[in-house]
């Protein structure tokens, strides 16, 4: 793919996107910590739940890899989450030696309480989304997916995988 010409405007836009992308990571991390605190979870436990929410059921090993924990540490996370009623373990039908971790259908924090906690953010995001037409939203989605893939590749490289 041919590189685009670096105009002053493009350079400024890319620098601003870089700052906002890094800010997104920090803001999301702080927001996740606030939710974890509100729900009585520690950071690693909440991160594991968040990963399970967007991946669906995965092996304990894959969960450990995605969260950046050792197999021993992820066992403790899954033990705590299972004890608190957030997840359940199951056997992998393809290999019964492997453990599949999945979120339970009815979490220990009632859905109504979760909705009440998140509704102000949902309302704010609805207002943000209304500013963009469908084509613009598709462009943002394409960029976010590509950027997240790049960050995941970088994370794997930094962890030596």
C-alpha atoms as a PDB file:
ATOM      1  CA  UNK A   1       0.000   0.000   0.000  1.00  0.00           C
ATOM      2  CA  UNK A   2       1.391   3.407  -0.948  1.00  0.00           C
ATOM      3  CA  UNK A   3       2.130   5.776   1.911  1.00  0.00           C
ATOM      4  CA  UNK A   4       0.071   8.909   2.025  1.00  0.00           C
ATOM      5  CA  UNK A   5       1.836  12.220   1.721  1.00  0.00           C
ATOM      6  CA  UNK A   6       2.578  13.733   5.150  1.00  0.00           C
ATOM      7  CA  UNK A   7       0.989  17.144   5.046  1.00  0.00           C
ATOM      8  CA  UNK A   8       1.120  19.403   8.089  1.00  0.00           C
ATOM      9  CA  UNK A   9      -2.572  18.734   8.721  1.00  0.00           C
ATOM     10  CA  UNK A  10      -2.124  14.950   8.479  1.00  0.00           C
ATOM     11  CA  UNK A  11       0.874  15.082  10.840  1.00  0.00           C
ATOM     12  CA  UNK A  12      -1.153  17.116  13.342  1.00  0.00           C
ATOM     13  CA  UNK A  13      -4.175  14.820  13.021  1.00  0.00           C
ATOM     14  CA  UNK A  14      -2.086  11.677  13.520  1.00  0.00           C
ATOM     15  CA  UNK A  15      -0.390  13.216  16.574  1.00  0.00           C
ATOM     16  CA  UNK A  16      -3.794  14.157  18.010  1.00  0.00           C
ATOM     17  CA  UNK A  17      -5.133  10.647  17.305  1.00  0.00           C
ATOM     18  CA  UNK A  18      -2.099   9.151  19.034  1.00  0.00           C
ATOM     19  CA  UNK A  19      -2.700  11.288  22.131  1.00  0.00           C
ATOM     20  CA  UNK A  20      -6.419  10.505  22.176  1.00  0.00           C
ATOM     21  CA  UNK A  21      -5.750   6.809  21.638  1.00  0.00           C
ATOM     22  CA  UNK A  22      -3.387   6.747  24.609  1.00  0.00           C
ATOM     23  CA  UNK A  23      -5.895   8.804  26.592  1.00  0.00           C
ATOM     24  CA  UNK A  24      -8.594   6.260  25.673  1.00  0.00           C
ATOM     25  CA  UNK A  25      -6.473   3.495  27.148  1.00  0.00           C
ATOM     26  CA  UNK A  26      -5.885   5.406  30.367  1.00  0.00           C
ATOM     27  CA  UNK A  27      -9.474   6.590  30.709  1.00  0.00           C
ATOM     28  CA  UNK A  28     -10.768   3.063  30.039  1.00  0.00           C
ATOM     29  CA  UNK A  29      -8.374   1.627  32.616  1.00  0.00           C
ATOM     30  CA  UNK A  30      -9.450   4.152  35.248  1.00  0.00           C
ATOM     31  CA  UNK A  31     -13.118   3.558  34.402  1.00  0.00           C
ATOM     32  CA  UNK A  32     -12.645  -0.201  34.688  1.00  0.00           C
ATOM     33  CA  UNK A  33     -10.993   0.277  38.069  1.00  0.00           C
ATOM     34  CA  UNK A  34     -13.955   2.393  39.243  1.00  0.00           C
ATOM     35  CA  UNK A  35     -16.399  -0.312  38.117  1.00  0.00           C
ATOM     36  CA  UNK A  36     -14.285  -2.995  39.781  1.00  0.00           C
ATOM     37  CA  UNK A  37     -14.283  -1.007  43.017  1.00  0.00           C
ATOM     38  CA  UNK A  38     -18.055  -0.506  42.824  1.00  0.00           C
ATOM     39  CA  UNK A  39     -18.667  -4.233  42.264  1.00  0.00           C
ATOM     40  CA  UNK A  40     -16.166  -5.386  44.889  1.00  0.00           C
ATOM     41  CA  UNK A  41     -13.682  -6.914  42.447  1.00  0.00           C
ATOM     42  CA  UNK A  42      -9.955  -6.380  42.165  1.00  0.00           C
ATOM     43  CA  UNK A  43      -8.411  -5.151  38.930  1.00  0.00           C
ATOM     44  CA  UNK A  44      -7.225  -8.506  37.569  1.00  0.00           C
ATOM     45  CA  UNK A  45     -10.556 -10.143  38.309  1.00  0.00           C
ATOM     46  CA  UNK A  46     -12.441  -7.350  36.536  1.00  0.00           C
ATOM     47  CA  UNK A  47     -10.071  -7.470  33.549  1.00  0.00           C
ATOM     48  CA  UNK A  48     -10.702 -11.202  33.248  1.00  0.00           C
ATOM     49  CA  UNK A  49     -14.469 -10.613  33.318  1.00  0.00           C
ATOM     50  CA  UNK A  50     -14.146  -7.887  30.712  1.00  0.00           C
ATOM     51  CA  UNK A  51     -12.151 -10.188  28.419  1.00  0.00           C
ATOM     52  CA  UNK A  52     -14.731 -12.961  28.878  1.00  0.00           C
ATOM     53  CA  UNK A  53     -17.492 -10.487  28.049  1.00  0.00           C
ATOM     54  CA  UNK A  54     -16.050  -9.709  24.609  1.00  0.00           C
ATOM     55  CA  UNK A  55     -14.538 -13.114  23.796  1.00  0.00           C
ATOM     56  CA  UNK A  56     -17.191 -15.422  25.135  1.00  0.00           C
ATOM     57  CA  UNK A  57     -16.126 -18.748  26.698  1.00  0.00           C
ATOM     58  CA  UNK A  58     -12.386 -19.413  26.335  1.00  0.00           C
ATOM     59  CA  UNK A  59      -9.836 -21.718  27.879  1.00  0.00           C
ATOM     60  CA  UNK A  60      -8.215 -20.702  31.142  1.00  0.00           C
ATOM     61  CA  UNK A  61      -4.881 -20.631  29.303  1.00  0.00           C
ATOM     62  CA  UNK A  62      -6.204 -18.222  26.674  1.00  0.00           C
ATOM     63  CA  UNK A  63      -7.713 -16.050  29.410  1.00  0.00           C
ATOM     64  CA  UNK A  64      -4.353 -15.983  31.188  1.00  0.00           C
ATOM     65  CA  UNK A  65      -2.609 -15.006  27.959  1.00  0.00           C
ATOM     66  CA  UNK A  66      -5.059 -12.218  27.190  1.00  0.00           C
ATOM     67  CA  UNK A  67      -4.977 -10.788  30.718  1.00  0.00           C
ATOM     68  CA  UNK A  68      -1.210 -11.252  30.997  1.00  0.00           C
ATOM     69  CA  UNK A  69      -1.152 -13.603  33.958  1.00  0.00           C
ATOM     70  CA  UNK A  70       0.555 -16.901  34.677  1.00  0.00           C
ATOM     71  CA  UNK A  71      -1.440 -20.124  34.757  1.00  0.00           C
ATOM     72  CA  UNK A  72      -1.178 -20.126  38.553  1.00  0.00           C
ATOM     73  CA  UNK A  73      -2.416 -16.552  38.834  1.00  0.00           C
ATOM     74  CA  UNK A  74      -5.335 -17.128  36.471  1.00  0.00           C
ATOM     75  CA  UNK A  75      -6.366 -20.126  38.582  1.00  0.00           C
ATOM     76  CA  UNK A  76      -6.686 -17.781  41.564  1.00  0.00           C
ATOM     77  CA  UNK A  77      -8.656 -15.253  39.478  1.00  0.00           C
ATOM     78  CA  UNK A  78     -11.049 -17.925  38.207  1.00  0.00           C
ATOM     79  CA  UNK A  79     -11.388 -19.393  41.719  1.00  0.00           C
ATOM     80  CA  UNK A  80     -12.387 -15.968  43.111  1.00  0.00           C
ATOM     81  CA  UNK A  81     -14.762 -15.196  40.247  1.00  0.00           C
ATOM     82  CA  UNK A  82     -16.358 -18.630  40.458  1.00  0.00           C
ATOM     83  CA  UNK A  83     -16.748 -18.361  44.245  1.00  0.00           C
ATOM     84  CA  UNK A  84     -18.350 -14.906  43.844  1.00  0.00           C
ATOM     85  CA  UNK A  85     -20.767 -16.262  41.217  1.00  0.00           C
ATOM     86  CA  UNK A  86     -19.444 -14.421  38.123  1.00  0.00           C
ATOM     87  CA  UNK A  87     -18.066 -17.366  36.107  1.00  0.00           C
ATOM     88  CA  UNK A  88     -18.190 -21.112  35.831  1.00  0.00           C
ATOM     89  CA  UNK A  89     -15.682 -23.685  34.681  1.00  0.00           C
ATOM     90  CA  UNK A  90     -16.399 -26.419  32.212  1.00  0.00           C
ATOM     91  CA  UNK A  91     -14.488 -29.048  30.305  1.00  0.00           C
ATOM     92  CA  UNK A  92     -13.450 -28.430  26.735  1.00  0.00           C
ATOM     93  CA  UNK A  93     -15.469 -30.954  24.690  1.00  0.00           C
ATOM     94  CA  UNK A  94     -12.493 -31.362  22.330  1.00  0.00           C
ATOM     95  CA  UNK A  95      -9.981 -31.948  25.145  1.00  0.00           C
ATOM     96  CA  UNK A  96     -11.355 -32.715  28.609  1.00  0.00           C
ATOM     97  CA  UNK A  97      -7.993 -31.814  30.191  1.00  0.00           C
ATOM     98  CA  UNK A  98      -8.541 -28.173  29.264  1.00  0.00           C
ATOM     99  CA  UNK A  99     -10.788 -25.901  31.292  1.00  0.00           C
ATOM    100  CA  UNK A 100     -13.250 -23.557  29.595  1.00  0.00           C
ATOM    101  CA  UNK A 101     -14.202 -20.432  31.559  1.00  0.00           C
ATOM    102  CA  UNK A 102     -17.442 -18.621  30.854  1.00  0.00           C
ATOM    103  CA  UNK A 103     -19.537 -15.930  32.445  1.00  0.00           C
ATOM    104  CA  UNK A 104     -22.698 -17.113  34.157  1.00  0.00           C
ATOM    105  CA  UNK A 105     -26.013 -16.069  32.594  1.00  0.00           C
ATOM    106  CA  UNK A 106     -27.185 -14.409  35.826  1.00  0.00           C
ATOM    107  CA  UNK A 107     -24.340 -12.484  37.500  1.00  0.00           C
ATOM    108  CA  UNK A 108     -24.194 -11.803  41.253  1.00  0.00           C
ATOM    109  CA  UNK A 109     -24.741  -8.060  40.732  1.00  0.00           C
ATOM    110  CA  UNK A 110     -28.349  -7.783  39.560  1.00  0.00           C
ATOM    111  CA  UNK A 111     -28.802  -6.546  35.995  1.00  0.00           C
ATOM    112  CA  UNK A 112     -30.906  -3.661  37.297  1.00  0.00           C
ATOM    113  CA  UNK A 113     -28.015  -2.498  39.479  1.00  0.00           C
ATOM    114  CA  UNK A 114     -25.586  -2.814  36.560  1.00  0.00           C
ATOM    115  CA  UNK A 115     -27.926  -0.786  34.341  1.00  0.00           C
ATOM    116  CA  UNK A 116     -28.323   1.916  36.985  1.00  0.00           C
ATOM    117  CA  UNK A 117     -24.547   2.125  37.371  1.00  0.00           C
ATOM    118  CA  UNK A 118     -23.902   2.324  33.619  1.00  0.00           C
ATOM    119  CA  UNK A 119     -26.946   4.275  32.372  1.00  0.00           C
ATOM    120  CA  UNK A 120     -25.309   7.740  32.578  1.00  0.00           C
ATOM    121  CA  UNK A 121     -22.441   6.495  30.381  1.00  0.00           C
ATOM    122  CA  UNK A 122     -24.890   4.848  27.971  1.00  0.00           C
ATOM    123  CA  UNK A 123     -26.786   8.147  27.695  1.00  0.00           C
ATOM    124  CA  UNK A 124     -23.551  10.096  27.115  1.00  0.00           C
ATOM    125  CA  UNK A 125     -22.400   7.636  24.454  1.00  0.00           C
ATOM    126  CA  UNK A 126     -25.813   7.751  22.731  1.00  0.00           C
ATOM    127  CA  UNK A 127     -25.407  11.533  22.439  1.00  0.00           C
ATOM    128  CA  UNK A 128     -21.878  11.106  21.031  1.00  0.00           C
ATOM    129  CA  UNK A 129     -23.068   8.494  18.508  1.00  0.00           C
ATOM    130  CA  UNK A 130     -25.856  10.782  17.268  1.00  0.00           C
ATOM    131  CA  UNK A 131     -23.207  13.234  16.025  1.00  0.00           C
ATOM    132  CA  UNK A 132     -22.068  10.772  13.330  1.00  0.00           C
ATOM    133  CA  UNK A 133     -23.798   9.244  10.306  1.00  0.00           C
ATOM    134  CA  UNK A 134     -23.547   5.528   9.510  1.00  0.00           C
ATOM    135  CA  UNK A 135     -20.610   5.931   7.118  1.00  0.00           C
ATOM    136  CA  UNK A 136     -18.662   7.905   9.704  1.00  0.00           C
ATOM    137  CA  UNK A 137     -19.422   5.292  12.360  1.00  0.00           C
ATOM    138  CA  UNK A 138     -18.176   2.578   9.980  1.00  0.00           C
ATOM    139  CA  UNK A 139     -14.926   4.502   9.487  1.00  0.00           C
ATOM    140  CA  UNK A 140     -14.461   4.871  13.239  1.00  0.00           C
ATOM    141  CA  UNK A 141     -15.237   1.161  13.723  1.00  0.00           C
ATOM    142  CA  UNK A 142     -12.729   0.182  11.026  1.00  0.00           C
ATOM    143  CA  UNK A 143     -10.044   2.337  12.657  1.00  0.00           C
ATOM    144  CA  UNK A 144     -10.765   1.008  16.168  1.00  0.00           C
ATOM    145  CA  UNK A 145     -10.628  -2.618  15.004  1.00  0.00           C
ATOM    146  CA  UNK A 146      -7.347  -2.076  13.147  1.00  0.00           C
ATOM    147  CA  UNK A 147      -5.866  -0.111  16.059  1.00  0.00           C
ATOM    148  CA  UNK A 148      -6.908  -2.757  18.600  1.00  0.00           C
ATOM    149  CA  UNK A 149      -5.366  -5.474  16.420  1.00  0.00           C
ATOM    150  CA  UNK A 150      -2.116  -3.465  16.271  1.00  0.00           C
ATOM    151  CA  UNK A 151      -2.084  -3.010  20.051  1.00  0.00           C
ATOM    152  CA  UNK A 152      -2.759  -6.730  20.596  1.00  0.00           C
ATOM    153  CA  UNK A 153       0.170  -7.586  18.297  1.00  0.00           C
ATOM    154  CA  UNK A 154       2.381  -5.144  20.199  1.00  0.00           C
ATOM    155  CA  UNK A 155       1.304  -6.636  23.532  1.00  0.00           C
ATOM    156  CA  UNK A 156       2.189 -10.123  22.295  1.00  0.00           C
ATOM    157  CA  UNK A 157       5.603  -8.918  21.108  1.00  0.00           C
ATOM    158  CA  UNK A 158       6.283  -7.148  24.418  1.00  0.00           C
ATOM    159  CA  UNK A 159       5.372 -10.302  26.324  1.00  0.00           C
ATOM    160  CA  UNK A 160       7.662 -12.335  24.108  1.00  0.00           C
ATOM    161  CA  UNK A 161       4.873 -14.236  22.369  1.00  0.00           C
END
